[in-house]
Structure formats: C-alpha cells, structure tokens
Amino acid sequence: MYLVTLFGNLLIILAIISDPHLHMPMYFFLSNLSFVDICFTSTTIPKMLVNIQTQSKVITYTGCITQMYFFIHFVGLDNFLLTVMAYDRFVAICQPLHYMVIMNPRLCVLLVLVSWIMIVSLFYGTSLGVYLGSATTHNSHSSATASVMYTVVTPMLNPFIYSLRNKDIKSTLKEFWGQKLERSQLSCC
C-alpha cells in the first residue's frame, strides 16, 4: 500500500509538471496535495515497516517527537490544501467568467503558502494535547486501525479520487506512457 501511495502520487505530480495544459490552479493544488501525501505517509510508514520486520515497537523519544512534528505538519497541510481546493472549485462554479482573474498564479501560490503557515498556529496546539494525552484512555486496537486508515489508506486513495478520474490527467498519463513504450520499443530494435 505504501508503494502504491508513493507511485500514484508521484505519477500525478509528473503528469501535471510534464503537460502545459495542466498548468492551471486546480492541478497546481492537486500536485501540492500529492506531494504532501507522499511526505505524510513517509513520516510514519518506513518506521512502521521496520518495526513489523524486526518485531520491535521501540522508538526513541527524539524519534517520536520528530515523527509527531512532521506527521502533524503534513496532516494539517492535507486539510488546508483540501480546503483551498474546495475554494478553487467554488470559484470555478460560482464565478466561471471571473475564474482566471480571481484564481491567478499569485493567489494560488499565496493560498498554498498560507496553508503551510496556518499549520503552526492552528494544529500544533490541539494535536499535541491529543497525542500527549494519557495512554490509558486510548484503546490500542481501535487506535491502530484508525491510524492505518488515515496514514496509509487515505493518501493511497487520493490520486484515484482527485486525479485519476479526471479526463485531462488520464489523457496526459496515456500520452506519457505511450511515449515511454514507444521509446523502449525503438531502443530494442
């Protein structure tokens, strides 16, 4: 599931970067969401895989705090980017004639930057309270199931939900893979 998450999100980023037709606000936000999803899953999953392989559940205090810091940061970014994406769609639907004026490149970059900055002020305080709370108040089985759902399953599904159902992304990916196949066939001959 981790490899599907990495590959799917990386594919979306490459498709958006490689096709000039996709250099629009919606795809800019999608590529940022894909990048954040890669970072989000990469903060916890590698350590989880090592723990599963070694049958160890040990993490240093410094490692735990570092992992928690980046985890909370990327979860918050995910949430804010989804909010920005919702605003982008709102403008596209409610103000279609003014969409390109309202959602100009400067505003798009500003919205992404604000998403990154808002994490510090909003999420850290509340998240630290939740994660540093008493371990006796949490059910370990339900906590483990919930953590796998939001650390692995959601970022894995985001490329399919937000991008791979989109005809522009599909056509770019088909063109991208078609060129790769054509090059590999020419090099074989």
Protein backbone atom coordinates (compact mmCIF):
# COMPACT_ATOMS: atom_id res chain seq x y z
CA MET A 1 0.00 0.00 0.00
CA TYR A 2 2.92 2.34 0.73
CA LEU A 3 4.40 1.76 -2.73
CA VAL A 4 1.01 2.35 -4.37
CA THR A 5 0.74 5.61 -2.42
CA LEU A 6 4.21 6.76 -3.48
CA PHE A 7 3.82 5.68 -7.10
CA GLY A 8 0.29 7.05 -7.53
CA ASN A 9 1.07 10.45 -6.05
CA LEU A 10 4.40 10.72 -7.88
CA LEU A 11 2.64 9.87 -11.14
CA ILE A 12 0.16 12.71 -10.58
CA ILE A 13 2.99 15.19 -9.89
CA LEU A 14 4.91 14.11 -13.00
CA ALA A 15 1.80 14.28 -15.18
CA ILE A 16 0.97 17.80 -14.01
CA ILE A 17 4.54 19.03 -14.41
CA SER A 18 5.01 17.49 -17.86
CA ASP A 19 1.80 18.74 -19.51
CA PRO A 20 1.49 22.53 -20.03
CA HIS A 21 -2.29 22.13 -20.41
CA LEU A 22 -2.42 21.12 -16.76
CA HIS A 23 -0.70 24.27 -15.51
CA MET A 24 -3.95 25.56 -14.01
CA PRO A 25 -4.91 26.32 -10.39
CA MET A 26 -6.80 23.07 -9.82
CA TYR A 27 -3.85 20.95 -10.94
CA PHE A 28 -1.38 23.12 -9.06
CA PHE A 29 -3.31 22.32 -5.87
CA LEU A 30 -3.56 18.63 -6.83
CA SER A 31 0.19 18.38 -7.30
CA ASN A 32 0.74 20.01 -3.92
CA LEU A 33 -1.73 17.58 -2.34
CA SER A 34 0.12 14.66 -3.92
CA PHE A 35 3.44 15.96 -2.61
CA VAL A 36 2.02 16.39 0.89
CA ASP A 37 0.54 12.88 0.77
CA ILE A 38 3.95 11.44 -0.12
CA CYS A 39 5.54 13.34 2.78
CA PHE A 40 2.65 12.45 5.11
CA THR A 41 2.95 8.72 4.59
CA SER A 42 6.74 8.83 4.58
CA THR A 43 6.85 10.21 8.12
CA THR A 44 5.42 7.08 9.73
CA ILE A 45 5.27 4.15 7.33
CA PRO A 46 9.02 3.43 6.95
CA LYS A 47 9.41 3.19 10.75
CA MET A 48 6.25 1.07 10.93
CA LEU A 49 7.64 -1.31 8.29
CA VAL A 50 10.93 -1.60 10.18
CA ASN A 51 9.01 -2.34 13.39
CA ILE A 52 6.96 -5.02 11.67
CA GLN A 53 10.09 -6.59 10.18
CA THR A 54 12.06 -6.56 13.45
CA GLN A 55 9.08 -7.31 15.70
CA SER A 56 10.05 -4.24 17.74
CA LYS A 57 7.76 -1.48 18.97
CA VAL A 58 10.55 0.78 20.22
CA ILE A 59 11.07 4.39 19.17
CA THR A 60 13.34 6.91 20.82
CA TYR A 61 11.88 9.98 22.46
CA THR A 62 13.61 12.22 19.91
CA GLY A 63 12.40 9.99 17.07
CA CYS A 64 8.85 10.10 18.43
CA ILE A 65 8.79 13.89 18.78
CA THR A 66 10.34 14.35 15.32
CA GLN A 67 7.88 11.92 13.75
CA MET A 68 4.97 13.59 15.55
CA TYR A 69 6.13 17.06 14.46
CA PHE A 70 6.23 16.14 10.76
CA PHE A 71 3.12 13.98 10.96
CA ILE A 72 1.02 16.79 12.45
CA HIS A 73 2.51 19.25 9.99
CA PHE A 74 1.58 17.17 6.94
CA VAL A 75 -1.87 16.20 8.27
CA GLY A 76 -2.65 19.88 8.72
CA LEU A 77 -1.34 20.69 5.27
CA ASP A 78 -3.52 17.97 3.81
CA ASN A 79 -6.57 19.50 5.46
CA PHE A 80 -5.76 23.05 4.40
CA LEU A 81 -5.00 22.05 0.82
CA LEU A 82 -8.33 20.26 0.62
CA THR A 83 -9.97 23.47 1.87
CA VAL A 84 -8.12 25.53 -0.74
CA MET A 85 -9.15 23.03 -3.41
CA ALA A 86 -12.77 23.38 -2.29
CA TYR A 87 -12.47 27.17 -2.59
CA ASP A 88 -10.97 26.79 -6.07
CA ARG A 89 -13.93 24.66 -7.18
CA PHE A 90 -16.36 27.10 -5.54
CA VAL A 91 -14.91 29.98 -7.57
CA ALA A 92 -14.91 27.88 -10.76
CA ILE A 93 -18.59 27.02 -10.32
CA CYS A 94 -19.96 30.28 -8.91
CA GLN A 95 -17.76 32.75 -10.84
CA PRO A 96 -16.84 30.91 -14.07
CA LEU A 97 -16.29 34.06 -16.13
CA HIS A 98 -14.02 35.59 -13.49
CA TYR A 99 -12.27 32.35 -12.51
CA MET A 100 -8.91 33.02 -14.20
CA VAL A 101 -8.83 36.58 -12.85
CA ILE A 102 -9.66 35.51 -9.29
CA MET A 103 -7.52 32.35 -9.23
CA ASN A 104 -4.39 33.94 -10.70
CA PRO A 105 -0.97 32.32 -10.16
CA ARG A 106 -0.08 34.78 -7.39
CA LEU A 107 -3.21 33.91 -5.39
CA CYS A 108 -2.65 30.18 -5.90
CA VAL A 109 0.89 30.39 -4.53
CA LEU A 110 -0.33 32.59 -1.68
CA LEU A 111 -3.07 30.08 -0.78
CA VAL A 112 -0.55 27.23 -0.69
CA LEU A 113 1.83 29.30 1.45
CA VAL A 114 -0.98 30.22 3.82
CA SER A 115 -1.86 26.53 4.05
CA TRP A 116 1.72 25.77 5.11
CA ILE A 117 1.81 28.65 7.62
CA MET A 118 -1.61 28.00 9.18
CA ILE A 119 -0.42 24.63 10.46
CA VAL A 120 1.80 26.18 13.07
CA SER A 121 -0.89 28.40 14.52
CA LEU A 122 -3.85 26.04 14.48
CA PHE A 123 -2.93 22.38 14.52
CA TYR A 124 0.05 22.07 16.82
CA GLY A 125 -1.71 23.18 19.99
CA THR A 126 -4.69 20.87 19.63
CA SER A 127 -2.75 17.93 18.22
CA LEU A 128 -0.13 17.98 20.95
CA GLY A 129 -2.92 17.78 23.52
CA VAL A 130 -4.42 14.74 21.84
CA TYR A 131 -1.17 12.86 21.22
CA LEU A 132 0.43 13.66 24.55
CA GLY A 133 -2.69 12.64 26.47
CA SER A 134 -2.82 9.66 28.76
CA ALA A 135 -2.17 6.31 27.08
CA THR A 136 -4.69 4.60 29.37
CA THR A 137 -7.59 6.50 27.81
CA HIS A 138 -6.95 5.09 24.33
CA ASN A 139 -7.99 1.67 23.02
CA SER A 140 -4.83 0.36 21.30
CA HIS A 141 -6.61 -1.82 18.69
CA SER A 142 -9.01 0.89 17.53
CA SER A 143 -6.20 3.48 17.59
CA ALA A 144 -4.01 1.24 15.41
CA THR A 145 -6.84 0.64 12.93
CA ALA A 146 -7.65 4.34 12.76
CA SER A 147 -4.01 5.31 12.31
CA VAL A 148 -3.57 2.87 9.41
CA MET A 149 -6.71 4.26 7.78
CA TYR A 150 -5.55 7.87 7.81
CA THR A 151 -1.82 7.30 7.38
CA VAL A 152 -1.94 4.73 4.59
CA VAL A 153 -5.36 4.23 3.03
CA THR A 154 -6.43 7.87 2.57
CA PRO A 155 -3.18 9.08 0.92
CA MET A 156 -3.20 5.94 -1.24
CA LEU A 157 -6.72 6.69 -2.48
CA ASN A 158 -6.26 10.44 -3.03
CA PRO A 159 -4.68 10.06 -6.51
CA PHE A 160 -7.59 7.89 -7.60
CA ILE A 161 -10.25 10.10 -6.04
CA TYR A 162 -8.94 13.51 -7.07
CA SER A 163 -6.92 12.87 -10.19
CA LEU A 164 -7.22 9.58 -11.99
CA ARG A 165 -10.94 10.10 -12.56
CA ASN A 166 -10.10 13.35 -14.36
CA LYS A 167 -10.03 13.10 -18.17
CA ASP A 168 -7.17 15.61 -18.55
CA ILE A 169 -4.93 13.68 -16.16
CA LYS A 170 -5.88 10.39 -17.82
CA SER A 171 -5.01 11.64 -21.28
CA THR A 172 -1.70 13.06 -20.05
CA LEU A 173 -0.80 9.77 -18.39
CA LYS A 174 -1.77 7.79 -21.50
CA GLU A 175 0.39 10.08 -23.63
CA PHE A 176 3.25 9.85 -21.12
CA TRP A 177 3.16 6.02 -21.01
CA GLY A 178 2.68 5.84 -24.77
CA GLN A 179 5.87 7.83 -25.30
CA LYS A 180 7.74 5.63 -22.83
CA LEU A 181 6.56 2.45 -24.58
CA GLU A 182 7.45 3.88 -27.98
CA ARG A 183 10.97 4.82 -26.81
CA SER A 184 11.54 1.39 -25.25
CA GLN A 185 10.39 -0.35 -28.45
CA LEU A 186 12.69 1.84 -30.58
CA SER A 187 15.67 1.14 -28.33
CA CYS A 188 15.05 -2.60 -28.53
CA CYS A 189 15.12 -2.67 -32.33
